[in-house]
C-alpha atoms as a PDB file:
ATOM      1  CA  MET A   1     -37.513  15.630  57.222  1.00  0.00           C
ATOM      2  CA  VAL A   2     -37.616  13.746  53.676  1.00  0.00           C
ATOM      3  CA  ARG A   3     -34.262  15.725  52.630  1.00  0.00           C
ATOM      4  CA  CYS A   4     -32.575  14.412  55.762  1.00  0.00           C
ATOM      5  CA  CYS A   5     -33.728  10.737  55.627  1.00  0.00           C
ATOM      6  CA  ARG A   6     -32.183  10.484  51.812  1.00  0.00           C
ATOM      7  CA  SER A   7     -29.257  11.744  53.075  1.00  0.00           C
ATOM      8  CA  ALA A   8     -29.366   8.787  55.665  1.00  0.00           C
ATOM      9  CA  LEU A   9     -29.881   6.270  53.142  1.00  0.00           C
ATOM     10  CA  ALA A  10     -27.262   7.938  50.630  1.00  0.00           C
ATOM     11  CA  LEU A  11     -25.017   7.540  53.681  1.00  0.00           C
ATOM     12  CA  GLY A  12     -25.969   3.901  54.219  1.00  0.00           C
ATOM     13  CA  ALA A  13     -25.222   2.814  50.973  1.00  0.00           C
ATOM     14  CA  LEU A  14     -22.048   4.355  50.762  1.00  0.00           C
ATOM     15  CA  LEU A  15     -20.772   2.906  53.883  1.00  0.00           C
ATOM     16  CA  SER A  16     -21.969  -0.630  52.552  1.00  0.00           C
ATOM     17  CA  ALA A  17     -20.105  -0.021  49.379  1.00  0.00           C
ATOM     18  CA  LEU A  18     -16.962   1.079  51.328  1.00  0.00           C
ATOM     19  CA  VAL A  19     -17.277  -2.013  53.817  1.00  0.00           C
ATOM     20  CA  SER A  20     -17.063  -4.564  50.763  1.00  0.00           C
ATOM     21  CA  VAL A  21     -14.710  -2.871  48.890  1.00  0.00           C
ATOM     22  CA  ARG A  22     -12.324  -2.828  51.747  1.00  0.00           C
ATOM     23  CA  ALA A  23     -13.186  -6.637  52.661  1.00  0.00           C
ATOM     24  CA  LEU A  24     -11.757  -7.213  49.201  1.00  0.00           C
ATOM     25  CA  SER A  25      -8.518  -5.341  49.648  1.00  0.00           C
ATOM     26  CA  ASP A  26      -7.800  -5.471  53.117  1.00  0.00           C
ATOM     27  CA  GLY A  27      -8.749  -9.024  54.509  1.00  0.00           C
ATOM     28  CA  PRO A  28      -9.157 -12.249  52.489  1.00  0.00           C
ATOM     29  CA  VAL A  29     -12.037 -13.911  52.117  1.00  0.00           C
ATOM     30  CA  ILE A  30     -13.239 -16.772  53.692  1.00  0.00           C
ATOM     31  CA  VAL A  31     -14.960 -19.291  52.124  1.00  0.00           C
ATOM     32  CA  THR A  32     -16.582 -22.433  54.213  1.00  0.00           C
ATOM     33  CA  GLY A  33     -17.609 -26.135  51.969  1.00  0.00           C
ATOM     34  CA  ALA A  34     -14.202 -25.228  50.084  1.00  0.00           C
ATOM     35  CA  THR A  35     -13.916 -28.641  49.380  1.00  0.00           C
ATOM     36  CA  GLY A  36     -17.246 -29.293  47.997  1.00  0.00           C
ATOM     37  CA  ARG A  37     -18.679 -29.045  44.541  1.00  0.00           C
ATOM     38  CA  THR A  38     -19.218 -25.295  44.563  1.00  0.00           C
ATOM     39  CA  GLY A  39     -16.796 -24.159  47.147  1.00  0.00           C
ATOM     40  CA  SER A  40     -14.106 -25.364  44.986  1.00  0.00           C
ATOM     41  CA  LEU A  41     -14.842 -23.454  42.422  1.00  0.00           C
ATOM     42  CA  VAL A  42     -15.240 -20.317  44.632  1.00  0.00           C
ATOM     43  CA  TYR A  43     -11.830 -20.669  46.263  1.00  0.00           C
ATOM     44  CA  THR A  44     -10.368 -21.463  42.982  1.00  0.00           C
ATOM     45  CA  GLN A  45     -11.866 -18.656  41.407  1.00  0.00           C
ATOM     46  CA  LEU A  46     -10.668 -16.332  43.467  1.00  0.00           C
ATOM     47  CA  LYS A  47      -7.394 -17.732  43.635  1.00  0.00           C
ATOM     48  CA  SER A  48      -7.327 -17.070  39.829  1.00  0.00           C
ATOM     49  CA  LYS A  49      -7.819 -13.712  40.144  1.00  0.00           C
ATOM     50  CA  ASN A  50      -5.377 -12.906  42.950  1.00  0.00           C
ATOM     51  CA  LEU A  51      -7.546 -12.224  45.686  1.00  0.00           C
ATOM     52  CA  PRO A  52      -6.245 -13.316  48.978  1.00  0.00           C
ATOM     53  CA  VAL A  53      -8.427 -16.087  50.390  1.00  0.00           C
ATOM     54  CA  ARG A  54      -9.197 -18.551  53.032  1.00  0.00           C
ATOM     55  CA  ALA A  55     -10.403 -22.072  52.827  1.00  0.00           C
ATOM     56  CA  LEU A  56     -12.191 -23.926  55.767  1.00  0.00           C
ATOM     57  CA  VAL A  57     -11.963 -27.430  55.341  1.00  0.00           C
ATOM     58  CA  ARG A  58     -12.723 -30.630  57.153  1.00  0.00           C
ATOM     59  CA  ASN A  59     -10.416 -33.191  54.881  1.00  0.00           C
ATOM     60  CA  VAL A  60      -6.681 -32.083  54.310  1.00  0.00           C
ATOM     61  CA  THR A  61      -6.157 -34.980  51.423  1.00  0.00           C
ATOM     62  CA  LYS A  62      -9.456 -33.806  49.817  1.00  0.00           C
ATOM     63  CA  ALA A  63      -7.967 -30.111  49.944  1.00  0.00           C
ATOM     64  CA  ARG A  64      -4.748 -31.068  48.339  1.00  0.00           C
ATOM     65  CA  GLU A  65      -6.810 -33.277  45.208  1.00  0.00           C
ATOM     66  CA  TYR A  66      -9.600 -30.128  45.046  1.00  0.00           C
ATOM     67  CA  LEU A  67      -8.105 -26.903  46.117  1.00  0.00           C
ATOM     68  CA  GLY A  68      -4.140 -27.416  44.778  1.00  0.00           C
ATOM     69  CA  CYS A  69      -2.228 -26.797  47.841  1.00  0.00           C
ATOM     70  CA  THR A  70       1.170 -28.114  48.744  1.00  0.00           C
ATOM     71  CA  LYS A  71       1.555 -28.198  52.068  1.00  0.00           C
ATOM     72  CA  CYS A  72      -2.487 -27.586  52.553  1.00  0.00           C
ATOM     73  CA  ASP A  73      -2.070 -25.813  55.796  1.00  0.00           C
ATOM     74  CA  GLU A  74      -2.561 -22.361  57.541  1.00  0.00           C
ATOM     75  CA  SER A  75       0.609 -20.997  55.771  1.00  0.00           C
ATOM     76  CA  GLU A  76      -1.485 -21.517  52.641  1.00  0.00           C
ATOM     77  CA  GLY A  77      -4.608 -20.629  53.739  1.00  0.00           C
ATOM     78  CA  ILE A  78      -6.092 -23.533  54.274  1.00  0.00           C
ATOM     79  CA  PHE A  79      -7.558 -23.735  57.780  1.00  0.00           C
ATOM     80  CA  VAL A  80      -8.977 -27.202  59.161  1.00  0.00           C
ATOM     81  CA  GLY A  81     -12.009 -27.041  61.199  1.00  0.00           C
ATOM     82  CA  ASP A  82     -15.878 -27.669  60.997  1.00  0.00           C
ATOM     83  CA  VAL A  83     -18.828 -25.522  61.153  1.00  0.00           C
ATOM     84  CA  THR A  84     -20.480 -27.749  63.556  1.00  0.00           C
ATOM     85  CA  GLU A  85     -17.504 -27.182  65.643  1.00  0.00           C
ATOM     86  CA  PRO A  86     -17.315 -23.368  66.958  1.00  0.00           C
ATOM     87  CA  ASP A  87     -13.832 -23.093  68.403  1.00  0.00           C
ATOM     88  CA  SER A  88     -12.428 -24.499  65.319  1.00  0.00           C
ATOM     89  CA  LEU A  89     -13.574 -21.253  63.548  1.00  0.00           C
ATOM     90  CA  VAL A  90     -11.882 -19.165  65.211  1.00  0.00           C
ATOM     91  CA  ALA A  91      -8.374 -19.143  63.839  1.00  0.00           C
ATOM     92  CA  PRO A  92      -9.688 -18.805  60.157  1.00  0.00           C
ATOM     93  CA  MET A  93     -11.391 -15.782  60.862  1.00  0.00           C
ATOM     94  CA  LYS A  94      -8.705 -13.565  62.055  1.00  0.00           C
ATOM     95  CA  GLY A  95      -8.296 -10.943  60.079  1.00  0.00           C
ATOM     96  CA  ALA A  96     -11.255 -11.650  57.599  1.00  0.00           C
ATOM     97  CA  GLY A  97     -12.138  -9.142  54.841  1.00  0.00           C
ATOM     98  CA  SER A  98     -15.593 -11.179  53.886  1.00  0.00           C
ATOM     99  CA  LEU A  99     -17.144 -14.416  54.018  1.00  0.00           C
ATOM    100  CA  ILE A 100     -19.047 -16.581  51.313  1.00  0.00           C
ATOM    101  CA  ILE A 101     -20.884 -19.527  52.982  1.00  0.00           C
ATOM    102  CA  ALA A 102     -20.758 -22.592  50.683  1.00  0.00           C
ATOM    103  CA  SER A 103     -21.241 -25.402  53.243  1.00  0.00           C
ATOM    104  CA  SER A 104     -24.463 -27.372  52.839  1.00  0.00           C
ATOM    105  CA  ALA A 105     -25.431 -30.515  54.087  1.00  0.00           C
ATOM    106  CA  VAL A 106     -25.135 -33.176  51.373  1.00  0.00           C
ATOM    107  CA  PRO A 107     -27.704 -36.287  51.257  1.00  0.00           C
ATOM    108  CA  ILE A 108     -26.322 -39.555  50.266  1.00  0.00           C
ATOM    109  CA  CYS A 109     -28.800 -41.271  48.483  1.00  0.00           C
ATOM    110  CA  ALA A 110     -28.948 -45.001  47.362  1.00  0.00           C
ATOM    111  CA  GLN A 111     -31.882 -44.453  44.977  1.00  0.00           C
ATOM    112  CA  TYR A 112     -34.330 -42.169  45.640  1.00  0.00           C
ATOM    113  CA  PRO A 113     -36.246 -41.528  48.031  1.00  0.00           C
ATOM    114  CA  ASP A 114     -33.894 -43.661  50.417  1.00  0.00           C
ATOM    115  CA  CYS A 115     -31.167 -41.024  51.342  1.00  0.00           C
ATOM    116  CA  HIS A 116     -29.671 -40.180  54.577  1.00  0.00           C
ATOM    117  CA  PHE A 117     -27.036 -37.550  56.084  1.00  0.00           C
ATOM    118  CA  PRO A 118     -23.814 -38.743  57.490  1.00  0.00           C
ATOM    119  CA  THR A 119     -23.602 -38.452  61.480  1.00  0.00           C
ATOM    120  CA  GLY A 120     -23.315 -34.786  62.018  1.00  0.00           C
ATOM    121  CA  GLY A 121     -23.893 -33.573  58.669  1.00  0.00           C
ATOM    122  CA  ASP A 122     -27.670 -33.154  58.593  1.00  0.00           C
ATOM    123  CA  PRO A 123     -29.484 -29.994  57.723  1.00  0.00           C
ATOM    124  CA  VAL A 124     -29.798 -28.957  61.259  1.00  0.00           C
ATOM    125  CA  ALA A 125     -26.058 -29.279  62.133  1.00  0.00           C
ATOM    126  CA  VAL A 126     -25.041 -27.661  59.334  1.00  0.00           C
ATOM    127  CA  ASP A 127     -27.628 -25.047  57.051  1.00  0.00           C
ATOM    128  CA  TRP A 128     -28.940 -24.052  60.782  1.00  0.00           C
ATOM    129  CA  ILE A 129     -26.559 -24.600  63.606  1.00  0.00           C
ATOM    130  CA  GLY A 130     -23.110 -24.568  61.673  1.00  0.00           C
ATOM    131  CA  ALA A 131     -24.262 -21.572  59.698  1.00  0.00           C
ATOM    132  CA  LYS A 132     -25.130 -19.576  62.649  1.00  0.00           C
ATOM    133  CA  ALA A 133     -21.755 -20.308  64.253  1.00  0.00           C
ATOM    134  CA  THR A 134     -19.730 -19.445  61.250  1.00  0.00           C
ATOM    135  CA  LEU A 135     -21.925 -16.031  60.967  1.00  0.00           C
ATOM    136  CA  ALA A 136     -21.090 -15.367  64.566  1.00  0.00           C
ATOM    137  CA  ALA A 137     -17.476 -16.109  64.231  1.00  0.00           C
ATOM    138  CA  PHE A 138     -17.079 -13.867  61.537  1.00  0.00           C
ATOM    139  CA  ALA A 139     -18.909 -11.392  63.028  1.00  0.00           C
ATOM    140  CA  HIS A 140     -16.688 -11.262  66.462  1.00  0.00           C
ATOM    141  CA  ALA A 141     -13.752 -11.006  64.109  1.00  0.00           C
ATOM    142  CA  THR A 142     -14.591  -8.292  62.012  1.00  0.00           C
ATOM    143  CA  ALA A 143     -16.266  -6.184  64.923  1.00  0.00           C
ATOM    144  CA  GLY A 144     -15.050  -2.353  64.671  1.00  0.00           C
ATOM    145  CA  THR A 145     -12.746  -3.033  61.510  1.00  0.00           C
ATOM    146  CA  GLY A 146     -15.622  -1.838  59.119  1.00  0.00           C
ATOM    147  CA  LEU A 147     -15.525  -4.691  57.220  1.00  0.00           C
ATOM    148  CA  GLY A 148     -17.969  -7.673  57.088  1.00  0.00           C
ATOM    149  CA  GLN A 149     -19.774  -8.718  53.926  1.00  0.00           C
ATOM    150  CA  VAL A 150     -21.508 -11.958  53.581  1.00  0.00           C
ATOM    151  CA  VAL A 151     -22.286 -13.896  50.666  1.00  0.00           C
ATOM    152  CA  LEU A 152     -24.543 -17.058  51.054  1.00  0.00           C
ATOM    153  CA  ILE A 153     -25.075 -19.913  48.852  1.00  0.00           C
ATOM    154  CA  SER A 154     -28.643 -20.646  50.086  1.00  0.00           C
ATOM    155  CA  THR A 155     -31.160 -22.661  47.456  1.00  0.00           C
ATOM    156  CA  MET A 156     -34.610 -21.900  45.214  1.00  0.00           C
ATOM    157  CA  GLY A 157     -37.661 -23.754  45.963  1.00  0.00           C
ATOM    158  CA  THR A 158     -37.743 -22.432  49.659  1.00  0.00           C
ATOM    159  CA  THR A 159     -41.568 -20.657  49.255  1.00  0.00           C
ATOM    160  CA  SER A 160     -42.751 -24.500  48.695  1.00  0.00           C
ATOM    161  CA  PRO A 161     -43.275 -26.322  52.158  1.00  0.00           C
ATOM    162  CA  GLU A 162     -41.607 -29.230  52.583  1.00  0.00           C
ATOM    163  CA  ASP A 163     -43.353 -32.682  52.525  1.00  0.00           C
ATOM    164  CA  SER A 164     -43.223 -33.622  56.158  1.00  0.00           C
ATOM    165  CA  LYS A 165     -41.500 -37.378  55.116  1.00  0.00           C
ATOM    166  CA  ASP A 166     -39.055 -34.863  52.950  1.00  0.00           C
ATOM    167  CA  PRO A 167     -35.864 -37.526  52.239  1.00  0.00           C
ATOM    168  CA  PHE A 168     -33.482 -34.476  52.208  1.00  0.00           C
ATOM    169  CA  GLY A 169     -33.712 -33.765  55.973  1.00  0.00           C
ATOM    170  CA  HIS A 170     -36.080 -30.243  55.251  1.00  0.00           C
ATOM    171  CA  ILE A 171     -32.918 -28.190  53.902  1.00  0.00           C
ATOM    172  CA  GLY A 172     -34.754 -26.058  52.211  1.00  0.00           C
ATOM    173  CA  PHE A 173     -36.521 -24.873  55.326  1.00  0.00           C
ATOM    174  CA  TYR A 174     -33.152 -24.655  58.008  1.00  0.00           C
ATOM    175  CA  LYS A 175     -31.308 -22.699  54.486  1.00  0.00           C
ATOM    176  CA  LEU A 176     -34.384 -19.935  54.598  1.00  0.00           C
ATOM    177  CA  ASN A 177     -34.688 -19.939  58.383  1.00  0.00           C
ATOM    178  CA  PHE A 178     -30.587 -18.779  58.088  1.00  0.00           C
ATOM    179  CA  GLU A 179     -30.966 -15.985  55.653  1.00  0.00           C
ATOM    180  CA  ALA A 180     -33.626 -14.208  57.950  1.00  0.00           C
ATOM    181  CA  GLU A 181     -31.063 -14.636  60.456  1.00  0.00           C
ATOM    182  CA  LEU A 182     -28.416 -13.394  58.123  1.00  0.00           C
ATOM    183  CA  MET A 183     -30.604 -10.546  56.959  1.00  0.00           C
ATOM    184  CA  ALA A 184     -31.085  -9.800  60.637  1.00  0.00           C
ATOM    185  CA  SER A 185     -27.424  -9.703  61.551  1.00  0.00           C
ATOM    186  CA  GLY A 186     -26.767  -6.543  61.041  1.00  0.00           C
ATOM    187  CA  LEU A 187     -23.516  -7.444  58.432  1.00  0.00           C
ATOM    188  CA  PRO A 188     -23.706  -6.109  54.866  1.00  0.00           C
ATOM    189  CA  PHE A 189     -24.869  -9.538  53.256  1.00  0.00           C
ATOM    190  CA  THR A 190     -25.884 -10.786  49.623  1.00  0.00           C
ATOM    191  CA  ILE A 191     -28.029 -14.256  49.420  1.00  0.00           C
ATOM    192  CA  VAL A 192     -27.919 -16.213  46.436  1.00  0.00           C
ATOM    193  CA  LYS A 193     -30.493 -18.767  45.348  1.00  0.00           C
ATOM    194  CA  PRO A 194     -29.665 -21.197  43.035  1.00  0.00           C
ATOM    195  CA  CYS A 195     -31.919 -23.256  40.831  1.00  0.00           C
ATOM    196  CA  GLY A 196     -30.659 -26.960  40.125  1.00  0.00           C
ATOM    197  CA  LEU A 197     -26.748 -27.167  39.817  1.00  0.00           C
ATOM    198  CA  LEU A 198     -24.679 -28.787  37.277  1.00  0.00           C
ATOM    199  CA  ASP A 199     -20.908 -29.888  37.394  1.00  0.00           C
ATOM    200  CA  THR A 200     -20.823 -28.089  33.674  1.00  0.00           C
ATOM    201  CA  PRO A 201     -18.451 -25.347  32.564  1.00  0.00           C
ATOM    202  CA  PRO A 202     -19.382 -21.739  32.792  1.00  0.00           C
ATOM    203  CA  LEU A 203     -19.925 -19.237  30.170  1.00  0.00           C
ATOM    204  CA  THR A 204     -22.118 -20.964  28.169  1.00  0.00           C
ATOM    205  CA  THR A 205     -25.701 -19.721  28.882  1.00  0.00           C
ATOM    206  CA  GLU A 206     -27.544 -16.806  30.123  1.00  0.00           C
ATOM    207  CA  LEU A 207     -28.026 -16.353  33.548  1.00  0.00           C
ATOM    208  CA  VAL A 208     -31.250 -15.190  34.900  1.00  0.00           C
ATOM    209  CA  VAL A 209     -32.583 -13.870  38.171  1.00  0.00           C
ATOM    210  CA  GLY A 210     -35.974 -13.700  39.668  1.00  0.00           C
ATOM    211  CA  HIS A 211     -37.660 -13.643  42.865  1.00  0.00           C
ATOM    212  CA  ASP A 212     -40.126 -16.066  45.387  1.00  0.00           C
ATOM    213  CA  ASP A 213     -39.533 -19.142  42.749  1.00  0.00           C
ATOM    214  CA  ASP A 214     -41.060 -16.985  40.036  1.00  0.00           C
ATOM    215  CA  LEU A 215     -38.547 -18.322  37.184  1.00  0.00           C
ATOM    216  CA  THR A 216     -40.097 -20.642  34.601  1.00  0.00           C
ATOM    217  CA  VAL A 217     -37.029 -21.813  32.882  1.00  0.00           C
ATOM    218  CA  ASN A 218     -36.867 -25.366  31.560  1.00  0.00           C
ATOM    219  CA  PRO A 219     -34.831 -27.333  32.429  1.00  0.00           C
ATOM    220  CA  PRO A 220     -34.263 -24.692  35.946  1.00  0.00           C
ATOM    221  CA  THR A 221     -30.363 -25.657  35.955  1.00  0.00           C
ATOM    222  CA  ILE A 222     -27.514 -23.669  36.524  1.00  0.00           C
ATOM    223  CA  SER A 223     -23.829 -24.449  36.486  1.00  0.00           C
ATOM    224  CA  ARG A 224     -22.067 -24.500  39.957  1.00  0.00           C
ATOM    225  CA  ALA A 225     -19.241 -22.614  38.112  1.00  0.00           C
ATOM    226  CA  ASP A 226     -21.368 -19.741  37.227  1.00  0.00           C
ATOM    227  CA  VAL A 227     -22.972 -19.242  40.531  1.00  0.00           C
ATOM    228  CA  ALA A 228     -19.296 -19.130  41.615  1.00  0.00           C
ATOM    229  CA  ARG A 229     -18.468 -16.036  39.666  1.00  0.00           C
ATOM    230  CA  VAL A 230     -21.722 -14.343  40.675  1.00  0.00           C
ATOM    231  CA  CYS A 231     -20.532 -15.041  44.101  1.00  0.00           C
ATOM    232  CA  ILE A 232     -17.191 -13.198  43.549  1.00  0.00           C
ATOM    233  CA  ALA A 233     -18.956 -10.436  41.580  1.00  0.00           C
ATOM    234  CA  ALA A 234     -21.322  -9.666  44.389  1.00  0.00           C
ATOM    235  CA  LEU A 235     -18.021  -8.655  46.631  1.00  0.00           C
ATOM    236  CA  GLN A 236     -16.694  -6.601  43.645  1.00  0.00           C
ATOM    237  CA  GLN A 237     -19.893  -5.128  43.219  1.00  0.00           C
ATOM    238  CA  PRO A 238     -20.786  -3.709  46.283  1.00  0.00           C
ATOM    239  CA  LYS A 239     -23.113  -0.623  45.498  1.00  0.00           C
ATOM    240  CA  VAL A 240     -25.127  -3.035  43.589  1.00  0.00           C
ATOM    241  CA  SER A 241     -24.938  -6.404  45.709  1.00  0.00           C
ATOM    242  CA  ALA A 242     -25.603  -4.804  49.106  1.00  0.00           C
ATOM    243  CA  GLY A 243     -28.781  -6.445  50.778  1.00  0.00           C
ATOM    244  CA  LEU A 244     -29.771  -8.580  47.834  1.00  0.00           C
ATOM    245  CA  ARG A 245     -31.835 -11.806  47.955  1.00  0.00           C
ATOM    246  CA  PHE A 246     -32.674 -13.416  44.529  1.00  0.00           C
ATOM    247  CA  ASP A 247     -33.188 -16.707  42.657  1.00  0.00           C
ATOM    248  CA  LEU A 248     -30.342 -17.649  40.353  1.00  0.00           C
ATOM    249  CA  CYS A 249     -30.561 -20.124  37.267  1.00  0.00           C
ATOM    250  CA  SER A 250     -29.891 -19.918  33.152  1.00  0.00           C
ATOM    251  CA  LYS A 251     -31.197 -20.341  29.897  1.00  0.00           C
ATOM    252  CA  ALA A 252     -30.258 -20.670  26.281  1.00  0.00           C
ATOM    253  CA  GLY A 253     -28.823 -17.378  25.260  1.00  0.00           C
ATOM    254  CA  THR A 254     -25.946 -15.422  24.729  1.00  0.00           C
ATOM    255  CA  PRO A 255     -23.345 -16.486  27.280  1.00  0.00           C
ATOM    256  CA  THR A 256     -22.812 -14.304  30.467  1.00  0.00           C
ATOM    257  CA  SER A 257     -19.396 -12.886  30.407  1.00  0.00           C
ATOM    258  CA  ASP A 258     -17.594 -11.437  33.793  1.00  0.00           C
ATOM    259  CA  PRO A 259     -18.455  -7.908  32.460  1.00  0.00           C
ATOM    260  CA  ASP A 260     -22.186  -8.313  32.580  1.00  0.00           C
ATOM    261  CA  LEU A 261     -22.046 -10.021  35.772  1.00  0.00           C
ATOM    262  CA  ALA A 262     -22.940  -6.525  37.253  1.00  0.00           C
ATOM    263  CA  LYS A 263     -25.798  -6.235  35.209  1.00  0.00           C
ATOM    264  CA  VAL A 264     -27.186  -9.778  36.354  1.00  0.00           C
ATOM    265  CA  LEU A 265     -26.977  -8.190  40.161  1.00  0.00           C
ATOM    266  CA  GLN A 266     -28.556  -5.141  38.679  1.00  0.00           C
ATOM    267  CA  ALA A 267     -31.465  -7.238  37.273  1.00  0.00           C
ATOM    268  CA  ALA A 268     -31.667  -8.669  40.812  1.00  0.00           C
ATOM    269  CA  LYS A 269     -33.247  -5.591  42.225  1.00  0.00           C
ATOM    270  CA  TYR A 270     -36.873  -5.096  42.723  1.00  0.00           C
ATOM    271  CA  PRO A 271     -38.549  -2.536  40.970  1.00  0.00           C
ATOM    272  CA  TRP A 272     -38.241   0.140  43.650  1.00  0.00           C
ATOM    273  CA  GLU A 273     -34.557  -0.062  44.244  1.00  0.00           C
ATOM    274  CA  VAL A 274     -33.067   0.138  40.527  1.00  0.00           C
ATOM    275  CA  ASN A 275     -31.817   3.291  41.050  1.00  0.00           C
ATOM    276  CA  ALA A 276     -30.061   2.677  44.909  1.00  0.00           C
ATOM    277  CA  GLY A 277     -27.372   0.997  43.450  1.00  0.00           C
ATOM    278  CA  GLU A 278     -24.384   2.027  41.074  1.00  0.00           C
ATOM    279  CA  ILE A 279     -22.586  -0.303  38.819  1.00  0.00           C
ATOM    280  CA  VAL A 280     -18.868  -0.286  38.276  1.00  0.00           C
ATOM    281  CA  VAL A 281     -17.472  -2.453  35.134  1.00  0.00           C
END
């Protein structure tokens, strides 16, 4: 019985790895929130690696500015849609290989705590209902194909209950709920939970990982570009990344290079998982 269970676990890990490897080679990576400050970096980094990628955007003008497209239409992998409009998610998902969810509600703050969200752009609509619609569209599009890895950019800070008057619309609550939704979906997943995001260059700090908000770095910040690098590495290192959910931050130290990202993912495993993955450099 033990031997049988071990064989089943090994087969499961192998299948997860094959799913992710095929996702990068057999179908484009779909990036939602692709004109956002983090999503645009995910998109441009994928393009720089000559990996097939599609961007889901709401605004063509913004796509031209941030993504460097010319026609900015489907011929260039730019799809106009909205995560809050399920019908608009069908076309970009056709033939998809993998999905990076970088969409997020973004508060508009005149002066903290005087914050609000644009109509239809609050955390309930984007980080919960919209995220579920995105996952469903992707799952339907990849059903039976052997593809389907999902990388979610969530957030740290979800272990502390938000105040009833939270000016950010309880965004952590809705992101946490969608994490659970993704984990129960049956699709291979990686959940990246970054600390405070900065618009700074990548490759200038040492990346660190943890769980359950236990990281104690000061200041608790990380470059958005480094978050993008880790998300892409998760697709490139499927044996290590499948099933991971971890906090991600940075500190002063030796900058974490691209080849070292596999070690970052490995470090995100719990102690009992350490021998379950394999690093491919």
